[in-house]
Amino acid sequence: MKAFKVALSKFLVLLSMFYTGSQLTAQADGILWKVSGNGLSKPSYIFGTIHLYCNPENLLTQPLVDAAKASDVVAMELNLNDYNTLVAIYTSSMAPVKKPLSEMLTKAQYKTVDSAIRVVLKDSISTYNAKSPIAMMGYLYGSNDVMGCAQPMPVDFSIAQLAKQLGKETYGLESFEFQDSVLKAIPDSIQVKWLMDFCGNMGKSKKEFGDFISSYDAQLSNKLYELSVTVSPEFELYKELLLTDRNNSWVNFLKENMTSYAIFTAVGAGHLGGDDGLIAQLKKAGYTLTPISIK
């Protein structure tokens, strides 16, 4: 299971690097939404996940469980109940990188990353030399030093387990190969810069990520989106690839299938907000979107 967590971090951790310090206002926002109206005989639901979280099972409160129970199918970014998907994730996590960190980083950068690893992971960079910069960020952000727990896991795994317990069919909105290709489309130089942003100012990075976790707990999808596109100047260059194009594809899937099936959709919380987010697009298409508190 730990190998799966690390592999998921490799191509999903970018969408966990959003932050905010706002507080929840009554029913103004949410990470669980009911989709109704526009000819639907049964409502569907959309839930925003986070890909690194301590005790994700604590999110499975009665309102969320009831929403999943009332649905016919559970759709996730990846179908984590599919054996072939899990094999692909594990195989990728074990595959060597084309270029080790020692060749991607300058001597000064290598020393900075090594120092961060010694502080955060109580290890040295030599252990992780064969990892990509994005995978390295997954290890750092998933550490006890940053998260405050020894084994943070993707909320997605808890949703997959819930679907299995409820006897629900699960569906993957994307393939592992597609998600892997999305991350590989980001140049090494940008990946290195993001890694150095963390390692060069760990105090700031840890505080921002802590604020993000707090805001997720406060169920603020709009704020999570708002700051996801300003996480770095470079992120704007890849907003269409990482967010917009995928949102459009998922909305099309929902519009084509919600008439026939009540769908519980679980995707990264950063995909919910914004003018091109799932909530706004479905509202524009004529559906009624109602936030449901999972407290």
C-alpha atoms as a PDB file:
ATOM      1  CA  MET A   1       0.000   0.000   0.000  1.00  0.00           C
ATOM      2  CA  LYS A   2       2.847   2.395   0.761  1.00  0.00           C
ATOM      3  CA  ALA A   3       4.251   1.830  -2.734  1.00  0.00           C
ATOM      4  CA  PHE A   4       0.866   2.733  -4.223  1.00  0.00           C
ATOM      5  CA  LYS A   5       0.774   5.947  -2.153  1.00  0.00           C
ATOM      6  CA  VAL A   6       4.205   6.986  -3.396  1.00  0.00           C
ATOM      7  CA  ALA A   7       3.338   6.145  -6.990  1.00  0.00           C
ATOM      8  CA  LEU A   8       0.141   8.167  -6.827  1.00  0.00           C
ATOM      9  CA  SER A   9       2.096  11.075  -5.412  1.00  0.00           C
ATOM     10  CA  LYS A  10       4.321  10.948  -8.494  1.00  0.00           C
ATOM     11  CA  PHE A  11       1.571  12.174 -10.787  1.00  0.00           C
ATOM     12  CA  LEU A  12      -1.026  13.613  -8.408  1.00  0.00           C
ATOM     13  CA  VAL A  13       0.901  15.565  -5.766  1.00  0.00           C
ATOM     14  CA  LEU A  14       0.862  18.712  -7.934  1.00  0.00           C
ATOM     15  CA  LEU A  15      -2.861  18.918  -7.355  1.00  0.00           C
ATOM     16  CA  SER A  16      -2.334  18.687  -3.600  1.00  0.00           C
ATOM     17  CA  MET A  17      -0.139  21.788  -3.477  1.00  0.00           C
ATOM     18  CA  PHE A  18      -2.919  24.380  -3.100  1.00  0.00           C
ATOM     19  CA  TYR A  19      -3.297  26.515  -0.030  1.00  0.00           C
ATOM     20  CA  THR A  20      -5.517  29.101   1.656  1.00  0.00           C
ATOM     21  CA  GLY A  21      -6.148  30.584   5.066  1.00  0.00           C
ATOM     22  CA  SER A  22      -9.869  31.352   4.733  1.00  0.00           C
ATOM     23  CA  GLN A  23     -12.662  30.056   6.941  1.00  0.00           C
ATOM     24  CA  LEU A  24     -15.865  28.293   5.955  1.00  0.00           C
ATOM     25  CA  THR A  25     -19.049  30.322   5.563  1.00  0.00           C
ATOM     26  CA  ALA A  26     -22.412  28.618   6.028  1.00  0.00           C
ATOM     27  CA  GLN A  27     -23.371  26.609   2.932  1.00  0.00           C
ATOM     28  CA  ALA A  28     -21.388  28.990   0.691  1.00  0.00           C
ATOM     29  CA  ASP A  29     -19.054  26.288  -0.477  1.00  0.00           C
ATOM     30  CA  GLY A  30     -18.320  22.614  -0.085  1.00  0.00           C
ATOM     31  CA  ILE A  31     -16.380  19.574  -1.180  1.00  0.00           C
ATOM     32  CA  LEU A  32     -19.486  17.374  -1.521  1.00  0.00           C
ATOM     33  CA  TRP A  33     -22.175  18.515  -3.953  1.00  0.00           C
ATOM     34  CA  LYS A  34     -25.534  17.093  -5.025  1.00  0.00           C
ATOM     35  CA  VAL A  35     -26.315  17.374  -8.738  1.00  0.00           C
ATOM     36  CA  SER A  36     -30.045  17.416  -9.543  1.00  0.00           C
ATOM     37  CA  GLY A  37     -32.592  18.874 -11.941  1.00  0.00           C
ATOM     38  CA  ASN A  38     -32.278  19.210 -15.710  1.00  0.00           C
ATOM     39  CA  GLY A  39     -34.186  15.979 -16.329  1.00  0.00           C
ATOM     40  CA  LEU A  40     -32.363  13.772 -13.810  1.00  0.00           C
ATOM     41  CA  SER A  41     -34.597  11.160 -12.179  1.00  0.00           C
ATOM     42  CA  LYS A  42     -32.036  10.596  -9.401  1.00  0.00           C
ATOM     43  CA  PRO A  43     -29.359  12.998  -8.113  1.00  0.00           C
ATOM     44  CA  SER A  44     -25.664  12.419  -8.634  1.00  0.00           C
ATOM     45  CA  TYR A  45     -22.865  13.617  -6.356  1.00  0.00           C
ATOM     46  CA  ILE A  46     -19.413  15.173  -6.720  1.00  0.00           C
ATOM     47  CA  PHE A  47     -16.804  14.888  -3.983  1.00  0.00           C
ATOM     48  CA  GLY A  48     -13.451  16.683  -3.909  1.00  0.00           C
ATOM     49  CA  THR A  49     -10.604  14.529  -2.660  1.00  0.00           C
ATOM     50  CA  ILE A  50      -7.103  15.331  -1.503  1.00  0.00           C
ATOM     51  CA  HIS A  51      -4.205  13.093  -2.431  1.00  0.00           C
ATOM     52  CA  LEU A  52      -2.296  13.227   0.846  1.00  0.00           C
ATOM     53  CA  TYR A  53      -4.299  13.158   4.074  1.00  0.00           C
ATOM     54  CA  CYS A  54      -3.993  11.820   7.617  1.00  0.00           C
ATOM     55  CA  ASN A  55      -6.745   9.360   8.562  1.00  0.00           C
ATOM     56  CA  PRO A  56      -8.839   9.771   5.386  1.00  0.00           C
ATOM     57  CA  GLU A  57     -11.372   7.309   6.786  1.00  0.00           C
ATOM     58  CA  ASN A  58     -12.479  10.126   9.114  1.00  0.00           C
ATOM     59  CA  LEU A  59     -13.997  11.867   6.100  1.00  0.00           C
ATOM     60  CA  LEU A  60     -16.448   9.013   5.591  1.00  0.00           C
ATOM     61  CA  THR A  61     -19.187  10.685   7.632  1.00  0.00           C
ATOM     62  CA  GLN A  62     -22.845   9.746   7.270  1.00  0.00           C
ATOM     63  CA  PRO A  63     -23.712  12.408   4.639  1.00  0.00           C
ATOM     64  CA  LEU A  64     -20.882  11.222   2.388  1.00  0.00           C
ATOM     65  CA  VAL A  65     -21.665   7.528   2.921  1.00  0.00           C
ATOM     66  CA  ASP A  66     -25.349   8.174   2.214  1.00  0.00           C
ATOM     67  CA  ALA A  67     -24.453   9.939  -1.049  1.00  0.00           C
ATOM     68  CA  ALA A  68     -22.317   7.016  -2.191  1.00  0.00           C
ATOM     69  CA  LYS A  69     -24.976   4.530  -1.089  1.00  0.00           C
ATOM     70  CA  ALA A  70     -27.651   6.362  -3.108  1.00  0.00           C
ATOM     71  CA  SER A  71     -25.518   6.248  -6.268  1.00  0.00           C
ATOM     72  CA  ASP A  72     -25.368   3.495  -8.877  1.00  0.00           C
ATOM     73  CA  VAL A  73     -21.687   3.827  -9.709  1.00  0.00           C
ATOM     74  CA  VAL A  74     -18.583   5.432  -8.160  1.00  0.00           C
ATOM     75  CA  ALA A  75     -16.327   7.253 -10.636  1.00  0.00           C
ATOM     76  CA  MET A  76     -12.765   8.206  -9.657  1.00  0.00           C
ATOM     77  CA  GLU A  77      -9.797   9.713 -11.465  1.00  0.00           C
ATOM     78  CA  LEU A  78      -8.302   6.215 -11.459  1.00  0.00           C
ATOM     79  CA  ASN A  79     -10.219   3.030 -10.769  1.00  0.00           C
ATOM     80  CA  LEU A  80      -8.353   1.930  -7.663  1.00  0.00           C
ATOM     81  CA  ASN A  81     -10.442  -1.228  -7.438  1.00  0.00           C
ATOM     82  CA  ASP A  82      -9.110  -2.388 -10.795  1.00  0.00           C
ATOM     83  CA  TYR A  83      -6.251  -4.881 -10.539  1.00  0.00           C
ATOM     84  CA  ASN A  84      -4.582  -3.783 -13.789  1.00  0.00           C
ATOM     85  CA  THR A  85      -4.573  -0.158 -12.655  1.00  0.00           C
ATOM     86  CA  LEU A  86      -2.878  -1.074  -9.376  1.00  0.00           C
ATOM     87  CA  VAL A  87      -0.287  -3.175 -11.217  1.00  0.00           C
ATOM     88  CA  ALA A  88       0.449  -0.262 -13.570  1.00  0.00           C
ATOM     89  CA  ILE A  89       0.888   2.102 -10.610  1.00  0.00           C
ATOM     90  CA  TYR A  90       3.222  -0.281  -8.805  1.00  0.00           C
ATOM     91  CA  THR A  91       5.236  -1.075 -11.946  1.00  0.00           C
ATOM     92  CA  SER A  92       5.731   2.615 -12.649  1.00  0.00           C
ATOM     93  CA  SER A  93       6.849   3.275  -9.080  1.00  0.00           C
ATOM     94  CA  MET A  94       9.585   0.672  -9.479  1.00  0.00           C
ATOM     95  CA  ALA A  95      10.737   1.789 -12.949  1.00  0.00           C
ATOM     96  CA  PRO A  96      14.079   3.650 -13.144  1.00  0.00           C
ATOM     97  CA  VAL A  97      14.079   7.260 -14.270  1.00  0.00           C
ATOM     98  CA  LYS A  98      15.864   8.336 -17.440  1.00  0.00           C
ATOM     99  CA  LYS A  99      17.960  10.844 -15.547  1.00  0.00           C
ATOM    100  CA  PRO A 100      18.798  10.623 -11.803  1.00  0.00           C
ATOM    101  CA  LEU A 101      18.611  13.642  -9.542  1.00  0.00           C
ATOM    102  CA  SER A 102      22.416  13.866  -9.466  1.00  0.00           C
ATOM    103  CA  GLU A 103      22.331  14.684 -13.196  1.00  0.00           C
ATOM    104  CA  MET A 104      19.328  17.009 -13.050  1.00  0.00           C
ATOM    105  CA  LEU A 105      20.512  19.197 -10.176  1.00  0.00           C
ATOM    106  CA  THR A 106      23.484  21.511  -9.879  1.00  0.00           C
ATOM    107  CA  LYS A 107      25.890  20.793  -7.044  1.00  0.00           C
ATOM    108  CA  ALA A 108      24.318  23.569  -4.991  1.00  0.00           C
ATOM    109  CA  GLN A 109      20.788  22.292  -5.676  1.00  0.00           C
ATOM    110  CA  TYR A 110      21.830  18.739  -4.871  1.00  0.00           C
ATOM    111  CA  LYS A 111      23.187  19.909  -1.527  1.00  0.00           C
ATOM    112  CA  THR A 112      19.995  21.863  -0.765  1.00  0.00           C
ATOM    113  CA  VAL A 113      17.767  18.873  -1.540  1.00  0.00           C
ATOM    114  CA  ASP A 114      20.022  16.594   0.502  1.00  0.00           C
ATOM    115  CA  SER A 115      19.731  18.951   3.470  1.00  0.00           C
ATOM    116  CA  ALA A 116      15.943  18.978   3.168  1.00  0.00           C
ATOM    117  CA  ILE A 117      15.821  15.186   3.007  1.00  0.00           C
ATOM    118  CA  ARG A 118      17.999  14.897   6.102  1.00  0.00           C
ATOM    119  CA  VAL A 119      15.683  17.226   8.039  1.00  0.00           C
ATOM    120  CA  VAL A 120      12.332  15.965   6.765  1.00  0.00           C
ATOM    121  CA  LEU A 121      12.963  12.292   6.033  1.00  0.00           C
ATOM    122  CA  LYS A 122      15.950  11.661   8.305  1.00  0.00           C
ATOM    123  CA  ASP A 123      17.749  10.184   5.316  1.00  0.00           C
ATOM    124  CA  SER A 124      20.068  11.299   2.504  1.00  0.00           C
ATOM    125  CA  ILE A 125      19.537  12.100  -1.143  1.00  0.00           C
ATOM    126  CA  SER A 126      21.468   9.005  -2.209  1.00  0.00           C
ATOM    127  CA  THR A 127      18.438   6.895  -1.229  1.00  0.00           C
ATOM    128  CA  TYR A 128      16.222   8.849  -3.642  1.00  0.00           C
ATOM    129  CA  ASN A 129      18.681   9.584  -6.459  1.00  0.00           C
ATOM    130  CA  ALA A 130      16.725   7.407  -8.902  1.00  0.00           C
ATOM    131  CA  LYS A 131      13.466   9.294  -8.306  1.00  0.00           C
ATOM    132  CA  SER A 132      12.043  12.103 -10.427  1.00  0.00           C
ATOM    133  CA  PRO A 133      11.666  15.598  -8.901  1.00  0.00           C
ATOM    134  CA  ILE A 134       7.881  15.117  -8.718  1.00  0.00           C
ATOM    135  CA  ALA A 135       8.270  11.758  -6.986  1.00  0.00           C
ATOM    136  CA  MET A 136      10.756  13.371  -4.584  1.00  0.00           C
ATOM    137  CA  MET A 137       8.167  16.011  -3.732  1.00  0.00           C
ATOM    138  CA  GLY A 138       5.727  13.201  -3.016  1.00  0.00           C
ATOM    139  CA  TYR A 139       8.103  11.736  -0.436  1.00  0.00           C
ATOM    140  CA  LEU A 140       8.750  15.132   1.157  1.00  0.00           C
ATOM    141  CA  TYR A 141       5.133  16.279   1.317  1.00  0.00           C
ATOM    142  CA  GLY A 142       4.027  12.839   2.503  1.00  0.00           C
ATOM    143  CA  SER A 143       6.463  12.829   5.409  1.00  0.00           C
ATOM    144  CA  ASN A 144       5.537  12.902   9.071  1.00  0.00           C
ATOM    145  CA  ASP A 145       7.452  16.177   9.355  1.00  0.00           C
ATOM    146  CA  VAL A 146       5.099  17.889   6.886  1.00  0.00           C
ATOM    147  CA  MET A 147       1.841  15.998   7.346  1.00  0.00           C
ATOM    148  CA  GLY A 148       2.004  15.382  11.077  1.00  0.00           C
ATOM    149  CA  CYS A 149       1.320  11.661  10.714  1.00  0.00           C
ATOM    150  CA  ALA A 150       3.438   8.692   9.725  1.00  0.00           C
ATOM    151  CA  GLN A 151       1.260   7.233   6.976  1.00  0.00           C
ATOM    152  CA  PRO A 152      -0.806   9.835   5.083  1.00  0.00           C
ATOM    153  CA  MET A 153      -2.837   8.286   2.293  1.00  0.00           C
ATOM    154  CA  PRO A 154      -4.866   9.509  -0.672  1.00  0.00           C
ATOM    155  CA  VAL A 155      -8.532  10.004   0.180  1.00  0.00           C
ATOM    156  CA  ASP A 156      -9.149   8.231  -3.138  1.00  0.00           C
ATOM    157  CA  PHE A 157      -8.229   4.897  -1.540  1.00  0.00           C
ATOM    158  CA  SER A 158     -10.883   5.369   1.151  1.00  0.00           C
ATOM    159  CA  ILE A 159     -13.495   6.130  -1.513  1.00  0.00           C
ATOM    160  CA  ALA A 160     -12.493   3.021  -3.454  1.00  0.00           C
ATOM    161  CA  GLN A 161     -12.770   0.933  -0.289  1.00  0.00           C
ATOM    162  CA  LEU A 162     -16.163   2.465   0.530  1.00  0.00           C
ATOM    163  CA  ALA A 163     -17.431   1.619  -2.960  1.00  0.00           C
ATOM    164  CA  LYS A 164     -16.279  -1.971  -2.504  1.00  0.00           C
ATOM    165  CA  GLN A 165     -17.993  -2.234   0.880  1.00  0.00           C
ATOM    166  CA  LEU A 166     -21.232  -0.883  -0.597  1.00  0.00           C
ATOM    167  CA  GLY A 167     -21.022  -3.234  -3.572  1.00  0.00           C
ATOM    168  CA  LYS A 168     -20.870  -0.343  -6.041  1.00  0.00           C
ATOM    169  CA  GLU A 169     -19.377  -0.602  -9.515  1.00  0.00           C
ATOM    170  CA  THR A 170     -16.302   1.622  -9.856  1.00  0.00           C
ATOM    171  CA  TYR A 171     -15.153   3.468 -12.966  1.00  0.00           C
ATOM    172  CA  GLY A 172     -11.917   5.234 -13.829  1.00  0.00           C
ATOM    173  CA  LEU A 173     -12.335   8.619 -15.495  1.00  0.00           C
ATOM    174  CA  GLU A 174      -8.744   8.392 -16.709  1.00  0.00           C
ATOM    175  CA  SER A 175      -6.179   5.687 -17.303  1.00  0.00           C
ATOM    176  CA  PHE A 176      -2.910   5.483 -15.416  1.00  0.00           C
ATOM    177  CA  GLU A 177      -1.068   5.847 -18.718  1.00  0.00           C
ATOM    178  CA  PHE A 178      -2.847   9.141 -19.416  1.00  0.00           C
ATOM    179  CA  GLN A 179      -2.101  10.614 -15.999  1.00  0.00           C
ATOM    180  CA  ASP A 180       1.510   9.513 -16.268  1.00  0.00           C
ATOM    181  CA  SER A 181       1.797  11.224 -19.664  1.00  0.00           C
ATOM    182  CA  VAL A 182       0.360  14.467 -18.244  1.00  0.00           C
ATOM    183  CA  LEU A 183       3.091  14.680 -15.614  1.00  0.00           C
ATOM    184  CA  LYS A 184       5.806  13.679 -18.054  1.00  0.00           C
ATOM    185  CA  ALA A 185       4.741  16.560 -20.298  1.00  0.00           C
ATOM    186  CA  ILE A 186       6.040  18.990 -17.656  1.00  0.00           C
ATOM    187  CA  PRO A 187       9.722  19.706 -18.442  1.00  0.00           C
ATOM    188  CA  ASP A 188      12.446  18.584 -16.046  1.00  0.00           C
ATOM    189  CA  SER A 189      13.457  22.204 -15.506  1.00  0.00           C
ATOM    190  CA  ILE A 190       9.999  23.083 -14.143  1.00  0.00           C
ATOM    191  CA  GLN A 191       9.894  19.988 -11.964  1.00  0.00           C
ATOM    192  CA  VAL A 192      13.300  20.890 -10.536  1.00  0.00           C
ATOM    193  CA  LYS A 193      12.156  24.448  -9.838  1.00  0.00           C
ATOM    194  CA  TRP A 194       9.121  23.206  -7.903  1.00  0.00           C
ATOM    195  CA  LEU A 195      11.349  20.850  -5.919  1.00  0.00           C
ATOM    196  CA  MET A 196      13.758  23.672  -5.135  1.00  0.00           C
ATOM    197  CA  ASP A 197      10.863  25.940  -4.093  1.00  0.00           C
ATOM    198  CA  PHE A 198      10.104  23.425  -1.359  1.00  0.00           C
ATOM    199  CA  CYS A 199      13.638  22.569  -0.319  1.00  0.00           C
ATOM    200  CA  GLY A 200      14.868  26.165  -0.443  1.00  0.00           C
ATOM    201  CA  ASN A 201      12.208  27.461   1.948  1.00  0.00           C
ATOM    202  CA  MET A 202      10.822  24.528   3.901  1.00  0.00           C
ATOM    203  CA  GLY A 203       9.222  26.633   6.622  1.00  0.00           C
ATOM    204  CA  LYS A 204       7.090  28.529   4.123  1.00  0.00           C
ATOM    205  CA  SER A 205       6.261  25.386   2.137  1.00  0.00           C
ATOM    206  CA  LYS A 206       5.191  23.460   5.228  1.00  0.00           C
ATOM    207  CA  LYS A 207       3.002  26.335   6.454  1.00  0.00           C
ATOM    208  CA  GLU A 208       1.315  26.689   3.054  1.00  0.00           C
ATOM    209  CA  PHE A 209       0.592  22.983   2.880  1.00  0.00           C
ATOM    210  CA  GLY A 210      -0.703  23.020   6.462  1.00  0.00           C
ATOM    211  CA  ASP A 211      -3.025  25.886   5.569  1.00  0.00           C
ATOM    212  CA  PHE A 212      -4.222  23.883   2.568  1.00  0.00           C
ATOM    213  CA  ILE A 213      -5.087  20.914   4.767  1.00  0.00           C
ATOM    214  CA  SER A 214      -6.980  23.201   7.155  1.00  0.00           C
ATOM    215  CA  SER A 215      -8.923  24.711   4.266  1.00  0.00           C
ATOM    216  CA  TYR A 216      -9.788  21.282   2.925  1.00  0.00           C
ATOM    217  CA  ASP A 217     -11.103  20.410   6.378  1.00  0.00           C
ATOM    218  CA  ALA A 218     -13.172  23.615   6.159  1.00  0.00           C
ATOM    219  CA  GLN A 219     -14.630  22.382   2.824  1.00  0.00           C
ATOM    220  CA  LEU A 220     -13.607  25.404   0.734  1.00  0.00           C
ATOM    221  CA  SER A 221     -13.508  24.221  -2.869  1.00  0.00           C
ATOM    222  CA  ASN A 222     -13.541  27.735  -4.326  1.00  0.00           C
ATOM    223  CA  LYS A 223     -10.495  28.806  -2.355  1.00  0.00           C
ATOM    224  CA  LEU A 224      -8.711  25.552  -3.140  1.00  0.00           C
ATOM    225  CA  TYR A 225      -9.152  26.251  -6.834  1.00  0.00           C
ATOM    226  CA  GLU A 226      -8.360  29.956  -6.544  1.00  0.00           C
ATOM    227  CA  LEU A 227      -4.923  29.299  -5.149  1.00  0.00           C
ATOM    228  CA  SER A 228      -4.244  26.159  -7.151  1.00  0.00           C
ATOM    229  CA  VAL A 229      -3.684  28.275 -10.246  1.00  0.00           C
ATOM    230  CA  THR A 230      -1.344  30.646  -8.405  1.00  0.00           C
ATOM    231  CA  VAL A 231       0.773  28.007  -6.680  1.00  0.00           C
ATOM    232  CA  SER A 232       3.638  29.133  -8.901  1.00  0.00           C
ATOM    233  CA  PRO A 233       4.069  31.389 -11.966  1.00  0.00           C
ATOM    234  CA  GLU A 234       4.805  28.268 -14.046  1.00  0.00           C
ATOM    235  CA  PHE A 235       1.574  26.551 -13.075  1.00  0.00           C
ATOM    236  CA  GLU A 236      -0.443  28.916 -15.275  1.00  0.00           C
ATOM    237  CA  LEU A 237       1.401  27.479 -18.291  1.00  0.00           C
ATOM    238  CA  TYR A 238       0.070  24.028 -17.454  1.00  0.00           C
ATOM    239  CA  LYS A 239      -3.375  24.971 -16.145  1.00  0.00           C
ATOM    240  CA  GLU A 240      -5.079  23.803 -19.324  1.00  0.00           C
ATOM    241  CA  LEU A 241      -3.225  20.489 -19.304  1.00  0.00           C
ATOM    242  CA  LEU A 242      -3.630  19.754 -15.586  1.00  0.00           C
ATOM    243  CA  LEU A 243      -7.066  21.238 -14.914  1.00  0.00           C
ATOM    244  CA  THR A 244      -9.187  22.649 -17.728  1.00  0.00           C
ATOM    245  CA  ASP A 245      -8.921  19.886 -20.337  1.00  0.00           C
ATOM    246  CA  ARG A 246      -9.564  17.210 -17.732  1.00  0.00           C
ATOM    247  CA  ASN A 247     -12.522  19.126 -16.264  1.00  0.00           C
ATOM    248  CA  ASN A 248     -14.092  19.391 -19.713  1.00  0.00           C
ATOM    249  CA  SER A 249     -13.696  15.666 -20.293  1.00  0.00           C
ATOM    250  CA  TRP A 250     -15.234  14.745 -16.937  1.00  0.00           C
ATOM    251  CA  VAL A 251     -18.180  17.127 -17.368  1.00  0.00           C
ATOM    252  CA  ASN A 252     -18.916  15.584 -20.774  1.00  0.00           C
ATOM    253  CA  PHE A 253     -18.850  12.134 -19.161  1.00  0.00           C
ATOM    254  CA  LEU A 254     -21.299  13.226 -16.471  1.00  0.00           C
ATOM    255  CA  LYS A 255     -23.682  14.912 -18.914  1.00  0.00           C
ATOM    256  CA  GLU A 256     -23.728  11.796 -21.083  1.00  0.00           C
ATOM    257  CA  ASN A 257     -24.318   9.342 -18.220  1.00  0.00           C
ATOM    258  CA  MET A 258     -26.160  11.006 -15.316  1.00  0.00           C
ATOM    259  CA  THR A 259     -29.548  10.555 -17.014  1.00  0.00           C
ATOM    260  CA  SER A 260     -29.093   6.786 -16.913  1.00  0.00           C
ATOM    261  CA  TYR A 261     -27.051   6.392 -13.738  1.00  0.00           C
ATOM    262  CA  ALA A 262     -26.718   8.165 -10.402  1.00  0.00           C
ATOM    263  CA  ILE A 263     -22.956   8.760 -10.255  1.00  0.00           C
ATOM    264  CA  PHE A 264     -20.801   9.492  -7.213  1.00  0.00           C
ATOM    265  CA  THR A 265     -17.758  11.247  -8.687  1.00  0.00           C
ATOM    266  CA  ALA A 266     -14.584  11.661  -6.622  1.00  0.00           C
ATOM    267  CA  VAL A 267     -11.827  13.861  -8.082  1.00  0.00           C
ATOM    268  CA  GLY A 268      -9.175  16.223  -6.735  1.00  0.00           C
ATOM    269  CA  ALA A 269     -10.758  19.159  -4.888  1.00  0.00           C
ATOM    270  CA  GLY A 270      -8.902  21.645  -7.113  1.00  0.00           C
ATOM    271  CA  HIS A 271     -11.149  20.583 -10.001  1.00  0.00           C
ATOM    272  CA  LEU A 272     -14.378  21.731  -8.347  1.00  0.00           C
ATOM    273  CA  GLY A 273     -14.020  25.530  -8.276  1.00  0.00           C
ATOM    274  CA  GLY A 274     -13.380  28.199 -10.896  1.00  0.00           C
ATOM    275  CA  ASP A 275     -15.250  29.232 -14.041  1.00  0.00           C
ATOM    276  CA  ASP A 276     -14.092  26.060 -15.798  1.00  0.00           C
ATOM    277  CA  GLY A 277     -14.524  23.827 -12.745  1.00  0.00           C
ATOM    278  CA  LEU A 278     -17.001  20.994 -12.479  1.00  0.00           C
ATOM    279  CA  ILE A 279     -19.469  22.957 -10.337  1.00  0.00           C
ATOM    280  CA  ALA A 280     -19.640  26.025 -12.608  1.00  0.00           C
ATOM    281  CA  GLN A 281     -19.795  23.983 -15.811  1.00  0.00           C
ATOM    282  CA  LEU A 282     -22.648  21.806 -14.570  1.00  0.00           C
ATOM    283  CA  LYS A 283     -24.561  24.885 -13.379  1.00  0.00           C
ATOM    284  CA  LYS A 284     -24.133  26.450 -16.827  1.00  0.00           C
ATOM    285  CA  ALA A 285     -25.472  23.226 -18.345  1.00  0.00           C
ATOM    286  CA  GLY A 286     -28.719  23.663 -16.365  1.00  0.00           C
ATOM    287  CA  TYR A 287     -28.177  21.406 -13.368  1.00  0.00           C
ATOM    288  CA  THR A 288     -28.844  22.408  -9.764  1.00  0.00           C
ATOM    289  CA  LEU A 289     -25.738  22.129  -7.567  1.00  0.00           C
ATOM    290  CA  THR A 290     -26.285  21.953  -3.816  1.00  0.00           C
ATOM    291  CA  PRO A 291     -23.395  21.767  -1.310  1.00  0.00           C
ATOM    292  CA  ILE A 292     -23.685  19.152   1.446  1.00  0.00           C
ATOM    293  CA  SER A 293     -21.636  19.534   4.629  1.00  0.00           C
ATOM    294  CA  ILE A 294     -19.790  16.350   5.576  1.00  0.00           C
ATOM    295  CA  LYS A 295     -19.140  17.526   9.143  1.00  0.00           C
END
